[in-house]
């Protein structure tokens, strides 16, 4: 079985496309009418299962690797809605922000490896 998409429901497509394209810098891959837009992820994707009360509160979402979570947080904290500020995890640092539909977007760095 091969994961081909991570589906992210949104409230307003125009606003969501602007967020993922203009704020996160993702490149549009394709679209179907006015109701479906895909963005290139350029990564090998893994399924992450967690038995963690806090993570269940945020629900499913994407996890993106960044060079430095703290630097990303500092340079984007005014533009993005961070719901979990940077914290330590075994491989490095971790934080969560939401898109304009409330979907969680997790970022991680591997600074401890």
PDB file of N, CA and C in Angstrom:
ATOM      1  N   UNK A   1       0.856  -1.169   0.000  1.00  0.00           N
ATOM      2  CA  UNK A   1       0.000   0.000   0.000  1.00  0.00           C
ATOM      3  C   UNK A   1       0.900   1.229   0.000  1.00  0.00           C
ATOM      4  N   UNK A   2       0.563   2.232  -0.796  1.00  0.00           N
ATOM      5  CA  UNK A   2       1.365   3.445  -0.915  1.00  0.00           C
ATOM      6  C   UNK A   2       0.490   4.664  -0.651  1.00  0.00           C
ATOM      7  N   UNK A   3       0.913   5.512   0.275  1.00  0.00           N
ATOM      8  CA  UNK A   3       0.193   6.742   0.561  1.00  0.00           C
ATOM      9  C   UNK A   3       0.392   7.710  -0.599  1.00  0.00           C
ATOM     10  N   UNK A   4      -0.701   8.212  -1.160  1.00  0.00           N
ATOM     11  CA  UNK A   4      -0.582   9.145  -2.280  1.00  0.00           C
ATOM     12  C   UNK A   4      -1.033  10.558  -1.931  1.00  0.00           C
ATOM     13  N   UNK A   5      -1.877  10.716  -0.918  1.00  0.00           N
ATOM     14  CA  UNK A   5      -2.353  12.038  -0.506  1.00  0.00           C
ATOM     15  C   UNK A   5      -2.524  12.077   1.002  1.00  0.00           C
ATOM     16  N   UNK A   6      -2.437  13.251   1.540  1.00  0.00           N
ATOM     17  CA  UNK A   6      -2.890  13.528   2.897  1.00  0.00           C
ATOM     18  C   UNK A   6      -4.036  14.516   2.701  1.00  0.00           C
ATOM     19  N   UNK A   7      -5.252  14.111   2.976  1.00  0.00           N
ATOM     20  CA  UNK A   7      -6.426  14.937   2.744  1.00  0.00           C
ATOM     21  C   UNK A   7      -6.608  15.927   3.886  1.00  0.00           C
ATOM     22  N   UNK A   8      -6.813  17.185   3.544  1.00  0.00           N
ATOM     23  CA  UNK A   8      -6.964  18.239   4.540  1.00  0.00           C
ATOM     24  C   UNK A   8      -8.252  19.004   4.230  1.00  0.00           C
ATOM     25  N   UNK A   9      -9.351  18.769   4.964  1.00  0.00           N
ATOM     26  CA  UNK A   9     -10.587  19.506   4.704  1.00  0.00           C
ATOM     27  C   UNK A   9     -10.401  20.985   5.045  1.00  0.00           C
ATOM     28  N   UNK A  10     -10.960  21.862   4.214  1.00  0.00           N
ATOM     29  CA  UNK A  10     -10.833  23.305   4.452  1.00  0.00           C
ATOM     30  C   UNK A  10     -12.207  23.964   4.398  1.00  0.00           C
ATOM     31  N   UNK A  11     -12.308  25.134   5.022  1.00  0.00           N
ATOM     32  CA  UNK A  11     -13.571  25.871   5.056  1.00  0.00           C
ATOM     33  C   UNK A  11     -13.744  26.763   3.835  1.00  0.00           C
ATOM     34  N   UNK A  12     -12.655  27.329   3.319  1.00  0.00           N
ATOM     35  CA  UNK A  12     -12.709  28.247   2.187  1.00  0.00           C
ATOM     36  C   UNK A  12     -11.521  27.952   1.272  1.00  0.00           C
ATOM     37  N   UNK A  13     -11.782  27.433   0.075  1.00  0.00           N
ATOM     38  CA  UNK A  13     -10.713  26.987  -0.816  1.00  0.00           C
ATOM     39  C   UNK A  13      -9.785  28.127  -1.225  1.00  0.00           C
ATOM     40  N   UNK A  14     -10.331  29.271  -1.560  1.00  0.00           N
ATOM     41  CA  UNK A  14      -9.493  30.389  -2.010  1.00  0.00           C
ATOM     42  C   UNK A  14      -8.508  30.798  -0.913  1.00  0.00           C
ATOM     43  N   UNK A  15      -9.005  30.907   0.291  1.00  0.00           N
ATOM     44  CA  UNK A  15      -8.158  31.266   1.425  1.00  0.00           C
ATOM     45  C   UNK A  15      -7.146  30.162   1.721  1.00  0.00           C
ATOM     46  N   UNK A  16      -7.574  28.916   1.653  1.00  0.00           N
ATOM     47  CA  UNK A  16      -6.685  27.788   1.934  1.00  0.00           C
ATOM     48  C   UNK A  16      -5.566  27.702   0.902  1.00  0.00           C
ATOM     49  N   UNK A  17      -5.893  27.878  -0.366  1.00  0.00           N
ATOM     50  CA  UNK A  17      -4.867  27.849  -1.410  1.00  0.00           C
ATOM     51  C   UNK A  17      -3.849  28.960  -1.179  1.00  0.00           C
ATOM     52  N   UNK A  18      -4.327  30.137  -0.855  1.00  0.00           N
ATOM     53  CA  UNK A  18      -3.408  31.256  -0.577  1.00  0.00           C
ATOM     54  C   UNK A  18      -2.500  30.922   0.603  1.00  0.00           C
ATOM     55  N   UNK A  19      -3.034  30.294   1.635  1.00  0.00           N
ATOM     56  CA  UNK A  19      -2.244  29.934   2.813  1.00  0.00           C
ATOM     57  C   UNK A  19      -1.138  28.946   2.453  1.00  0.00           C
ATOM     58  N   UNK A  20      -1.509  27.846   1.817  1.00  0.00           N
ATOM     59  CA  UNK A  20      -0.529  26.814   1.506  1.00  0.00           C
ATOM     60  C   UNK A  20       0.470  27.266   0.435  1.00  0.00           C
ATOM     61  N   UNK A  21       0.022  28.065  -0.518  1.00  0.00           N
ATOM     62  CA  UNK A  21       0.901  28.540  -1.595  1.00  0.00           C
ATOM     63  C   UNK A  21       1.745  29.730  -1.145  1.00  0.00           C
ATOM     64  N   UNK A  22       1.096  30.766  -0.631  1.00  0.00           N
ATOM     65  CA  UNK A  22       1.785  32.026  -0.366  1.00  0.00           C
ATOM     66  C   UNK A  22       2.486  32.073   0.981  1.00  0.00           C
ATOM     67  N   UNK A  23       1.897  31.482   1.998  1.00  0.00           N
ATOM     68  CA  UNK A  23       2.505  31.534   3.331  1.00  0.00           C
ATOM     69  C   UNK A  23       3.463  30.364   3.546  1.00  0.00           C
ATOM     70  N   UNK A  24       3.030  29.142   3.173  1.00  0.00           N
ATOM     71  CA  UNK A  24       3.903  27.988   3.369  1.00  0.00           C
ATOM     72  C   UNK A  24       4.836  27.736   2.186  1.00  0.00           C
ATOM     73  N   UNK A  25       4.590  28.378   1.062  1.00  0.00           N
ATOM     74  CA  UNK A  25       5.481  28.273  -0.089  1.00  0.00           C
ATOM     75  C   UNK A  25       5.392  26.972  -0.865  1.00  0.00           C
ATOM     76  N   UNK A  26       4.261  26.274  -0.766  1.00  0.00           N
ATOM     77  CA  UNK A  26       4.103  25.013  -1.491  1.00  0.00           C
ATOM     78  C   UNK A  26       3.696  25.280  -2.941  1.00  0.00           C
ATOM     79  N   UNK A  27       4.078  24.352  -3.812  1.00  0.00           N
ATOM     80  CA  UNK A  27       3.765  24.475  -5.233  1.00  0.00           C
ATOM     81  C   UNK A  27       2.522  23.643  -5.560  1.00  0.00           C
ATOM     82  N   UNK A  28       1.601  24.261  -6.261  1.00  0.00           N
ATOM     83  CA  UNK A  28       0.385  23.546  -6.660  1.00  0.00           C
ATOM     84  C   UNK A  28       0.737  22.454  -7.658  1.00  0.00           C
ATOM     85  N   UNK A  29       0.190  21.252  -7.429  1.00  0.00           N
ATOM     86  CA  UNK A  29       0.437  20.121  -8.319  1.00  0.00           C
ATOM     87  C   UNK A  29      -0.657  20.004  -9.382  1.00  0.00           C
ATOM     88  N   UNK A  30      -1.918  20.108  -8.949  1.00  0.00           N
ATOM     89  CA  UNK A  30      -3.052  20.016  -9.865  1.00  0.00           C
ATOM     90  C   UNK A  30      -4.312  20.448  -9.133  1.00  0.00           C
ATOM     91  N   UNK A  31      -5.383  20.657  -9.897  1.00  0.00           N
ATOM     92  CA  UNK A  31      -6.675  20.954  -9.286  1.00  0.00           C
ATOM     93  C   UNK A  31      -7.789  20.351 -10.114  1.00  0.00           C
ATOM     94  N   UNK A  32      -8.904  20.104  -9.442  1.00  0.00           N
ATOM     95  CA  UNK A  32     -10.101  19.569 -10.090  1.00  0.00           C
ATOM     96  C   UNK A  32     -11.241  20.521  -9.767  1.00  0.00           C
ATOM     97  N   UNK A  33     -11.650  21.275 -10.760  1.00  0.00           N
ATOM     98  CA  UNK A  33     -12.713  22.258 -10.554  1.00  0.00           C
ATOM     99  C   UNK A  33     -12.334  23.249  -9.477  1.00  0.00           C
ATOM    100  N   UNK A  34     -13.348  23.676  -8.726  1.00  0.00           N
ATOM    101  CA  UNK A  34     -13.123  24.645  -7.652  1.00  0.00           C
ATOM    102  C   UNK A  34     -13.122  24.004  -6.268  1.00  0.00           C
ATOM    103  N   UNK A  35     -13.141  22.655  -6.225  1.00  0.00           N
ATOM    104  CA  UNK A  35     -13.297  22.001  -4.930  1.00  0.00           C
ATOM    105  C   UNK A  35     -12.106  21.149  -4.492  1.00  0.00           C
ATOM    106  N   UNK A  36     -11.124  20.924  -5.369  1.00  0.00           N
ATOM    107  CA  UNK A  36      -9.988  20.091  -5.011  1.00  0.00           C
ATOM    108  C   UNK A  36      -8.701  20.692  -5.568  1.00  0.00           C
ATOM    109  N   UNK A  37      -7.726  20.890  -4.699  1.00  0.00           N
ATOM    110  CA  UNK A  37      -6.412  21.381  -5.114  1.00  0.00           C
ATOM    111  C   UNK A  37      -5.369  20.534  -4.397  1.00  0.00           C
ATOM    112  N   UNK A  38      -4.369  20.067  -5.133  1.00  0.00           N
ATOM    113  CA  UNK A  38      -3.279  19.287  -4.543  1.00  0.00           C
ATOM    114  C   UNK A  38      -1.990  20.102  -4.605  1.00  0.00           C
ATOM    115  N   UNK A  39      -1.171  19.939  -3.578  1.00  0.00           N
ATOM    116  CA  UNK A  39       0.133  20.596  -3.518  1.00  0.00           C
ATOM    117  C   UNK A  39       1.223  19.546  -3.468  1.00  0.00           C
ATOM    118  N   UNK A  40       2.359  19.847  -4.080  1.00  0.00           N
ATOM    119  CA  UNK A  40       3.492  18.932  -4.075  1.00  0.00           C
ATOM    120  C   UNK A  40       4.101  18.879  -2.686  1.00  0.00           C
ATOM    121  N   UNK A  41       4.382  17.676  -2.216  1.00  0.00           N
ATOM    122  CA  UNK A  41       4.985  17.504  -0.906  1.00  0.00           C
ATOM    123  C   UNK A  41       6.489  17.255  -1.004  1.00  0.00           C
ATOM    124  N   UNK A  42       6.944  16.690  -2.125  1.00  0.00           N
ATOM    125  CA  UNK A  42       8.368  16.434  -2.360  1.00  0.00           C
ATOM    126  C   UNK A  42       9.044  15.698  -1.205  1.00  0.00           C
ATOM    127  N   UNK A  43       8.402  14.649  -0.736  1.00  0.00           N
ATOM    128  CA  UNK A  43       8.971  13.902   0.375  1.00  0.00           C
ATOM    129  C   UNK A  43       8.473  12.464   0.366  1.00  0.00           C
ATOM    130  N   UNK A  44       9.225  11.594   0.993  1.00  0.00           N
ATOM    131  CA  UNK A  44       8.734  10.237   1.258  1.00  0.00           C
ATOM    132  C   UNK A  44       7.915  10.341   2.532  1.00  0.00           C
ATOM    133  N   UNK A  45       6.688   9.904   2.483  1.00  0.00           N
ATOM    134  CA  UNK A  45       5.765  10.072   3.602  1.00  0.00           C
ATOM    135  C   UNK A  45       5.655   8.790   4.409  1.00  0.00           C
ATOM    136  N   UNK A  46       5.595   8.934   5.723  1.00  0.00           N
ATOM    137  CA  UNK A  46       5.378   7.807   6.612  1.00  0.00           C
ATOM    138  C   UNK A  46       4.092   8.049   7.390  1.00  0.00           C
ATOM    139  N   UNK A  47       3.454   6.980   7.840  1.00  0.00           N
ATOM    140  CA  UNK A  47       2.281   7.092   8.691  1.00  0.00           C
ATOM    141  C   UNK A  47       2.765   7.080  10.140  1.00  0.00           C
ATOM    142  N   UNK A  48       2.384   8.088  10.891  1.00  0.00           N
ATOM    143  CA  UNK A  48       2.800   8.211  12.287  1.00  0.00           C
ATOM    144  C   UNK A  48       1.591   7.961  13.174  1.00  0.00           C
ATOM    145  N   UNK A  49       1.664   6.931  14.006  1.00  0.00           N
ATOM    146  CA  UNK A  49       0.608   6.625  14.962  1.00  0.00           C
ATOM    147  C   UNK A  49       1.097   7.022  16.344  1.00  0.00           C
ATOM    148  N   UNK A  50       0.290   7.757  17.096  1.00  0.00           N
ATOM    149  CA  UNK A  50       0.685   8.192  18.429  1.00  0.00           C
ATOM    150  C   UNK A  50      -0.439   7.940  19.423  1.00  0.00           C
ATOM    151  N   UNK A  51      -0.103   7.413  20.564  1.00  0.00           N
ATOM    152  CA  UNK A  51      -1.051   7.220  21.651  1.00  0.00           C
ATOM    153  C   UNK A  51      -0.742   8.290  22.698  1.00  0.00           C
ATOM    154  N   UNK A  52      -1.134   9.511  22.377  1.00  0.00           N
ATOM    155  CA  UNK A  52      -0.803  10.666  23.205  1.00  0.00           C
ATOM    156  C   UNK A  52      -2.051  11.540  23.320  1.00  0.00           C
ATOM    157  N   UNK A  53      -2.481  11.795  24.534  1.00  0.00           N
ATOM    158  CA  UNK A  53      -3.702  12.564  24.778  1.00  0.00           C
ATOM    159  C   UNK A  53      -3.670  13.937  24.120  1.00  0.00           C
ATOM    160  N   UNK A  54      -2.550  14.629  24.242  1.00  0.00           N
ATOM    161  CA  UNK A  54      -2.431  15.974  23.670  1.00  0.00           C
ATOM    162  C   UNK A  54      -2.539  15.923  22.153  1.00  0.00           C
ATOM    163  N   UNK A  55      -1.882  14.962  21.515  1.00  0.00           N
ATOM    164  CA  UNK A  55      -1.939  14.852  20.057  1.00  0.00           C
ATOM    165  C   UNK A  55      -3.348  14.515  19.582  1.00  0.00           C
ATOM    166  N   UNK A  56      -4.073  13.692  20.333  1.00  0.00           N
ATOM    167  CA  UNK A  56      -5.453  13.369  19.950  1.00  0.00           C
ATOM    168  C   UNK A  56      -6.318  14.620  19.957  1.00  0.00           C
ATOM    169  N   UNK A  57      -6.034  15.547  20.850  1.00  0.00           N
ATOM    170  CA  UNK A  57      -6.782  16.806  20.916  1.00  0.00           C
ATOM    171  C   UNK A  57      -6.670  17.591  19.605  1.00  0.00           C
ATOM    172  N   UNK A  58      -5.500  17.570  18.988  1.00  0.00           N
ATOM    173  CA  UNK A  58      -5.289  18.317  17.749  1.00  0.00           C
ATOM    174  C   UNK A  58      -5.790  17.566  16.520  1.00  0.00           C
ATOM    175  N   UNK A  59      -5.896  16.249  16.602  1.00  0.00           N
ATOM    176  CA  UNK A  59      -6.380  15.459  15.479  1.00  0.00           C
ATOM    177  C   UNK A  59      -5.305  15.211  14.438  1.00  0.00           C
ATOM    178  N   UNK A  60      -5.697  14.562  13.330  1.00  0.00           N
ATOM    179  CA  UNK A  60      -4.715  14.230  12.297  1.00  0.00           C
ATOM    180  C   UNK A  60      -4.239  15.476  11.582  1.00  0.00           C
ATOM    181  N   UNK A  61      -3.068  15.386  11.001  1.00  0.00           N
ATOM    182  CA  UNK A  61      -2.507  16.491  10.231  1.00  0.00           C
ATOM    183  C   UNK A  61      -1.132  16.126   9.724  1.00  0.00           C
ATOM    184  N   UNK A  62      -0.575  16.998   8.948  1.00  0.00           N
ATOM    185  CA  UNK A  62       0.731  16.770   8.347  1.00  0.00           C
ATOM    186  C   UNK A  62       1.848  17.161   9.302  1.00  0.00           C
ATOM    187  N   UNK A  63       2.985  16.509   9.139  1.00  0.00           N
ATOM    188  CA  UNK A  63       4.199  16.850   9.875  1.00  0.00           C
ATOM    189  C   UNK A  63       5.262  17.206   8.840  1.00  0.00           C
ATOM    190  N   UNK A  64       5.811  18.404   8.952  1.00  0.00           N
ATOM    191  CA  UNK A  64       6.792  18.892   7.997  1.00  0.00           C
ATOM    192  C   UNK A  64       8.150  19.074   8.670  1.00  0.00           C
ATOM    193  N   UNK A  65       9.185  18.645   7.992  1.00  0.00           N
ATOM    194  CA  UNK A  65      10.546  18.825   8.473  1.00  0.00           C
ATOM    195  C   UNK A  65      11.011  20.225   8.093  1.00  0.00           C
ATOM    196  N   UNK A  66      11.530  20.964   9.069  1.00  0.00           N
ATOM    197  CA  UNK A  66      12.137  22.276   8.825  1.00  0.00           C
ATOM    198  C   UNK A  66      13.562  22.231   9.367  1.00  0.00           C
ATOM    199  N   UNK A  67      14.394  23.165   8.930  1.00  0.00           N
ATOM    200  CA  UNK A  67      15.787  23.189   9.386  1.00  0.00           C
ATOM    201  C   UNK A  67      15.887  23.446  10.883  1.00  0.00           C
ATOM    202  N   UNK A  68      15.064  24.383  11.370  1.00  0.00           N
ATOM    203  CA  UNK A  68      15.158  24.794  12.767  1.00  0.00           C
ATOM    204  C   UNK A  68      13.780  25.259  13.229  1.00  0.00           C
ATOM    205  N   UNK A  69      13.136  24.501  14.107  1.00  0.00           N
ATOM    206  CA  UNK A  69      11.790  24.825  14.579  1.00  0.00           C
ATOM    207  C   UNK A  69      11.761  26.185  15.275  1.00  0.00           C
ATOM    208  N   UNK A  70      12.754  26.459  16.108  1.00  0.00           N
ATOM    209  CA  UNK A  70      12.763  27.728  16.839  1.00  0.00           C
ATOM    210  C   UNK A  70      12.883  28.926  15.903  1.00  0.00           C
ATOM    211  N   UNK A  71      13.727  28.822  14.895  1.00  0.00           N
ATOM    212  CA  UNK A  71      13.873  29.906  13.914  1.00  0.00           C
ATOM    213  C   UNK A  71      12.587  30.072  13.106  1.00  0.00           C
ATOM    214  N   UNK A  72      11.964  28.947  12.727  1.00  0.00           N
ATOM    215  CA  UNK A  72      10.705  28.996  11.981  1.00  0.00           C
ATOM    216  C   UNK A  72       9.628  29.675  12.828  1.00  0.00           C
ATOM    217  N   UNK A  73       9.558  29.294  14.096  1.00  0.00           N
ATOM    218  CA  UNK A  73       8.588  29.895  15.017  1.00  0.00           C
ATOM    219  C   UNK A  73       8.831  31.394  15.140  1.00  0.00           C
ATOM    220  N   UNK A  74      10.062  31.792  15.372  1.00  0.00           N
ATOM    221  CA  UNK A  74      10.393  33.205  15.557  1.00  0.00           C
ATOM    222  C   UNK A  74      10.038  34.029  14.330  1.00  0.00           C
ATOM    223  N   UNK A  75      10.351  33.527  13.144  1.00  0.00           N
ATOM    224  CA  UNK A  75      10.096  34.312  11.943  1.00  0.00           C
ATOM    225  C   UNK A  75       8.653  34.230  11.453  1.00  0.00           C
ATOM    226  N   UNK A  76       7.844  33.317  12.010  1.00  0.00           N
ATOM    227  CA  UNK A  76       6.461  33.168  11.540  1.00  0.00           C
ATOM    228  C   UNK A  76       5.402  33.320  12.619  1.00  0.00           C
ATOM    229  N   UNK A  77       5.780  33.610  13.847  1.00  0.00           N
ATOM    230  CA  UNK A  77       4.792  33.619  14.929  1.00  0.00           C
ATOM    231  C   UNK A  77       3.740  34.712  14.769  1.00  0.00           C
ATOM    232  N   UNK A  78       4.022  35.764  14.055  1.00  0.00           N
ATOM    233  CA  UNK A  78       3.018  36.812  13.823  1.00  0.00           C
ATOM    234  C   UNK A  78       2.037  36.409  12.719  1.00  0.00           C
ATOM    235  N   UNK A  79       2.508  35.649  11.732  1.00  0.00           N
ATOM    236  CA  UNK A  79       1.678  35.272  10.582  1.00  0.00           C
ATOM    237  C   UNK A  79       0.896  33.988  10.802  1.00  0.00           C
ATOM    238  N   UNK A  80       1.387  33.107  11.678  1.00  0.00           N
ATOM    239  CA  UNK A  80       0.764  31.805  11.875  1.00  0.00           C
ATOM    240  C   UNK A  80       0.170  31.686  13.270  1.00  0.00           C
ATOM    241  N   UNK A  81      -0.857  30.857  13.397  1.00  0.00           N
ATOM    242  CA  UNK A  81      -1.517  30.619  14.679  1.00  0.00           C
ATOM    243  C   UNK A  81      -0.901  29.384  15.337  1.00  0.00           C
ATOM    244  N   UNK A  82       0.142  29.590  16.142  1.00  0.00           N
ATOM    245  CA  UNK A  82       0.784  28.473  16.837  1.00  0.00           C
ATOM    246  C   UNK A  82      -0.072  28.051  18.023  1.00  0.00           C
ATOM    247  N   UNK A  83      -0.434  26.767  18.055  1.00  0.00           N
ATOM    248  CA  UNK A  83      -1.224  26.220  19.151  1.00  0.00           C
ATOM    249  C   UNK A  83      -0.351  25.400  20.099  1.00  0.00           C
ATOM    250  N   UNK A  84       0.867  25.114  19.691  1.00  0.00           N
ATOM    251  CA  UNK A  84       1.855  24.464  20.547  1.00  0.00           C
ATOM    252  C   UNK A  84       3.205  25.077  20.195  1.00  0.00           C
ATOM    253  N   UNK A  85       3.766  25.777  21.145  1.00  0.00           N
ATOM    254  CA  UNK A  85       5.050  26.428  20.921  1.00  0.00           C
ATOM    255  C   UNK A  85       6.163  25.385  20.883  1.00  0.00           C
ATOM    256  N   UNK A  86       7.328  25.743  20.346  1.00  0.00           N
ATOM    257  CA  UNK A  86       8.425  24.777  20.235  1.00  0.00           C
ATOM    258  C   UNK A  86       8.743  24.097  21.560  1.00  0.00           C
ATOM    259  N   UNK A  87       8.964  22.786  21.463  1.00  0.00           N
ATOM    260  CA  UNK A  87       9.303  21.984  22.628  1.00  0.00           C
ATOM    261  C   UNK A  87      10.263  20.875  22.200  1.00  0.00           C
ATOM    262  N   UNK A  88      10.919  20.277  23.195  1.00  0.00           N
ATOM    263  CA  UNK A  88      11.850  19.184  22.933  1.00  0.00           C
ATOM    264  C   UNK A  88      11.109  17.883  22.707  1.00  0.00           C
ATOM    265  N   UNK A  89      11.590  17.110  21.750  1.00  0.00           N
ATOM    266  CA  UNK A  89      11.172  15.734  21.524  1.00  0.00           C
ATOM    267  C   UNK A  89      12.458  14.944  21.287  1.00  0.00           C
ATOM    268  N   UNK A  90      12.424  13.613  21.351  1.00  0.00           N
ATOM    269  CA  UNK A  90      13.681  12.861  21.244  1.00  0.00           C
ATOM    270  C   UNK A  90      14.583  13.235  20.052  1.00  0.00           C
ATOM    271  N   UNK A  91      14.055  13.395  18.809  1.00  0.00           N
ATOM    272  CA  UNK A  91      15.016  13.705  17.740  1.00  0.00           C
ATOM    273  C   UNK A  91      15.376  15.194  17.603  1.00  0.00           C
ATOM    274  N   UNK A  92      14.617  16.095  18.262  1.00  0.00           N
ATOM    275  CA  UNK A  92      14.910  17.517  18.088  1.00  0.00           C
ATOM    276  C   UNK A  92      13.876  18.420  18.734  1.00  0.00           C
ATOM    277  N   UNK A  93      13.280  19.301  17.920  1.00  0.00           N
ATOM    278  CA  UNK A  93      12.289  20.260  18.402  1.00  0.00           C
ATOM    279  C   UNK A  93      11.006  20.082  17.585  1.00  0.00           C
ATOM    280  N   UNK A  94       9.873  20.549  18.153  1.00  0.00           N
ATOM    281  CA  UNK A  94       8.553  20.269  17.594  1.00  0.00           C
ATOM    282  C   UNK A  94       7.617  21.415  17.946  1.00  0.00           C
ATOM    283  N   UNK A  95       6.710  21.764  17.042  1.00  0.00           N
ATOM    284  CA  UNK A  95       5.685  22.779  17.293  1.00  0.00           C
ATOM    285  C   UNK A  95       4.488  22.491  16.387  1.00  0.00           C
ATOM    286  N   UNK A  96       3.352  23.116  16.715  1.00  0.00           N
ATOM    287  CA  UNK A  96       2.137  22.949  15.908  1.00  0.00           C
ATOM    288  C   UNK A  96       1.510  24.315  15.680  1.00  0.00           C
ATOM    289  N   UNK A  97       1.095  24.576  14.424  1.00  0.00           N
ATOM    290  CA  UNK A  97       0.267  25.731  14.120  1.00  0.00           C
ATOM    291  C   UNK A  97      -0.925  25.248  13.319  1.00  0.00           C
ATOM    292  N   UNK A  98      -1.930  26.100  13.135  1.00  0.00           N
ATOM    293  CA  UNK A  98      -3.115  25.711  12.376  1.00  0.00           C
ATOM    294  C   UNK A  98      -3.251  26.565  11.126  1.00  0.00           C
ATOM    295  N   UNK A  99      -3.891  25.962  10.112  1.00  0.00           N
ATOM    296  CA  UNK A  99      -4.226  26.758   8.930  1.00  0.00           C
ATOM    297  C   UNK A  99      -5.503  27.532   9.236  1.00  0.00           C
ATOM    298  N   UNK A 100      -6.009  28.284   8.262  1.00  0.00           N
ATOM    299  CA  UNK A 100      -7.174  29.126   8.533  1.00  0.00           C
ATOM    300  C   UNK A 100      -8.477  28.346   8.670  1.00  0.00           C
ATOM    301  N   UNK A 101      -8.426  27.016   8.454  1.00  0.00           N
ATOM    302  CA  UNK A 101      -9.591  26.165   8.699  1.00  0.00           C
ATOM    303  C   UNK A 101      -9.469  25.421  10.025  1.00  0.00           C
ATOM    304  N   UNK A 102      -8.394  25.679  10.760  1.00  0.00           N
ATOM    305  CA  UNK A 102      -8.190  25.042  12.051  1.00  0.00           C
ATOM    306  C   UNK A 102      -7.475  23.706  11.997  1.00  0.00           C
ATOM    307  N   UNK A 103      -7.014  23.286  10.811  1.00  0.00           N
ATOM    308  CA  UNK A 103      -6.286  22.028  10.685  1.00  0.00           C
ATOM    309  C   UNK A 103      -4.884  22.171  11.263  1.00  0.00           C
ATOM    310  N   UNK A 104      -4.438  21.207  12.084  1.00  0.00           N
ATOM    311  CA  UNK A 104      -3.094  21.304  12.648  1.00  0.00           C
ATOM    312  C   UNK A 104      -2.016  21.004  11.617  1.00  0.00           C
ATOM    313  N   UNK A 105      -0.939  21.767  11.673  1.00  0.00           N
ATOM    314  CA  UNK A 105       0.243  21.538  10.849  1.00  0.00           C
ATOM    315  C   UNK A 105       1.412  21.458  11.815  1.00  0.00           C
ATOM    316  N   UNK A 106       2.048  20.318  11.840  1.00  0.00           N
ATOM    317  CA  UNK A 106       3.141  20.079  12.768  1.00  0.00           C
ATOM    318  C   UNK A 106       4.478  20.298  12.053  1.00  0.00           C
ATOM    319  N   UNK A 107       5.426  20.874  12.786  1.00  0.00           N
ATOM    320  CA  UNK A 107       6.767  21.025  12.257  1.00  0.00           C
ATOM    321  C   UNK A 107       7.751  20.373  13.215  1.00  0.00           C
ATOM    322  N   UNK A 108       8.820  19.833  12.660  1.00  0.00           N
ATOM    323  CA  UNK A 108       9.817  19.109  13.437  1.00  0.00           C
ATOM    324  C   UNK A 108      11.195  19.407  12.860  1.00  0.00           C
ATOM    325  N   UNK A 109      12.191  19.414  13.711  1.00  0.00           N
ATOM    326  CA  UNK A 109      13.564  19.415  13.220  1.00  0.00           C
ATOM    327  C   UNK A 109      14.291  18.237  13.859  1.00  0.00           C
ATOM    328  N   UNK A 110      15.420  17.895  13.327  1.00  0.00           N
ATOM    329  CA  UNK A 110      16.187  16.749  13.820  1.00  0.00           C
ATOM    330  C   UNK A 110      17.481  17.231  14.470  1.00  0.00           C
ATOM    331  N   UNK A 111      17.387  18.299  15.232  1.00  0.00           N
ATOM    332  CA  UNK A 111      18.558  18.962  15.795  1.00  0.00           C
ATOM    333  C   UNK A 111      19.310  18.138  16.828  1.00  0.00           C
ATOM    334  N   UNK A 112      18.708  17.088  17.369  1.00  0.00           N
ATOM    335  CA  UNK A 112      19.384  16.264  18.371  1.00  0.00           C
ATOM    336  C   UNK A 112      20.032  15.018  17.755  1.00  0.00           C
ATOM    337  N   UNK A 113      19.903  14.865  16.445  1.00  0.00           N
ATOM    338  CA  UNK A 113      20.495  13.676  15.799  1.00  0.00           C
ATOM    339  C   UNK A 113      21.799  14.029  15.145  1.00  0.00           C
TER     340      UNK A 113
END
